[in-house]
Protein backbone atom coordinates (compact mmCIF):
# COMPACT_ATOMS: atom_id res chain seq x y z
CA MET A 1 58.17 162.70 168.02
CA LYS A 2 58.23 162.16 164.10
CA LYS A 3 61.70 163.65 164.06
CA LEU A 4 63.21 161.36 166.38
CA THR A 5 61.76 158.70 164.53
CA LEU A 6 62.65 159.62 161.34
CA ILE A 7 66.21 160.24 163.23
CA LEU A 8 66.48 156.72 164.46
CA PHE A 9 65.19 155.27 161.43
CA SER A 10 68.40 156.80 159.58
CA ILE A 11 70.70 155.23 162.18
CA ILE A 12 69.37 151.92 161.87
CA ILE A 13 69.48 151.81 157.44
CA SER A 14 73.20 153.60 157.90
CA THR A 15 74.49 151.09 160.15
CA ALA A 16 73.35 148.20 158.27
CA SER A 17 74.39 149.16 154.65
CA VAL A 18 77.57 149.75 156.55
CA LEU A 19 78.00 146.48 157.78
CA LEU A 20 76.48 144.65 154.35
CA PHE A 21 79.04 146.80 152.31
CA ILE A 22 81.74 145.41 154.81
CA HIS A 23 80.47 141.96 154.94
CA PHE A 24 80.13 141.82 151.05
CA SER A 25 83.40 143.43 150.07
CA ASN A 26 85.28 141.45 152.44
CA ASP A 27 85.39 138.34 150.10
CA HIS A 28 89.00 136.75 150.50
CA ILE A 29 90.23 136.79 147.00
CA GLU A 30 93.30 137.28 148.00
CA CYS A 31 93.41 134.96 150.65
CA GLU A 32 94.94 130.87 151.37
CA THR A 33 95.19 128.39 153.85
CA VAL A 34 98.41 126.70 154.04
CA SER A 35 98.44 123.18 155.49
CA ASN A 36 101.58 121.77 157.20
CA THR A 37 101.69 118.07 158.05
CA VAL A 38 104.50 116.89 161.05
CA LYS A 39 104.85 113.65 161.86
CA LYS A 40 106.24 113.06 165.60
CA SER A 41 108.37 110.84 167.01
CA ASN A 42 105.50 108.68 168.63
CA GLY A 43 104.05 108.42 165.17
CA GLU A 44 100.98 111.06 166.04
CA THR A 45 100.60 112.82 163.03
CA VAL A 46 100.06 117.04 163.42
CA ILE A 47 98.34 119.15 161.18
CA THR A 48 98.81 122.71 161.81
CA GLU A 49 96.60 125.36 158.83
CA ARG A 50 97.45 129.29 159.12
CA HIS A 51 94.95 131.80 157.14
CA ILE A 52 97.02 133.99 155.25
CA CYS A 53 95.60 136.96 153.43
CA LYS A 54 97.33 139.42 151.75
CA GLU A 55 94.64 141.93 151.49
CA LYS A 56 95.61 145.95 152.35
CA TYR A 57 92.22 145.80 154.71
CA ASN A 58 90.73 143.14 156.47
CA PHE A 59 87.98 143.45 158.14
């Protein structure tokens, strides 16, 4: 029982560590948001935003 508890605790700590690493290493420094504004013939304005990332690995 003690060994099972230790294994489960290790799995939980490992999973939490991996998730925190992914969260804090994914800082989007190489990313930018590009906005494009288009005015249609009926007077309606449409704004399109694109999120562009140049990261090698994007989680």
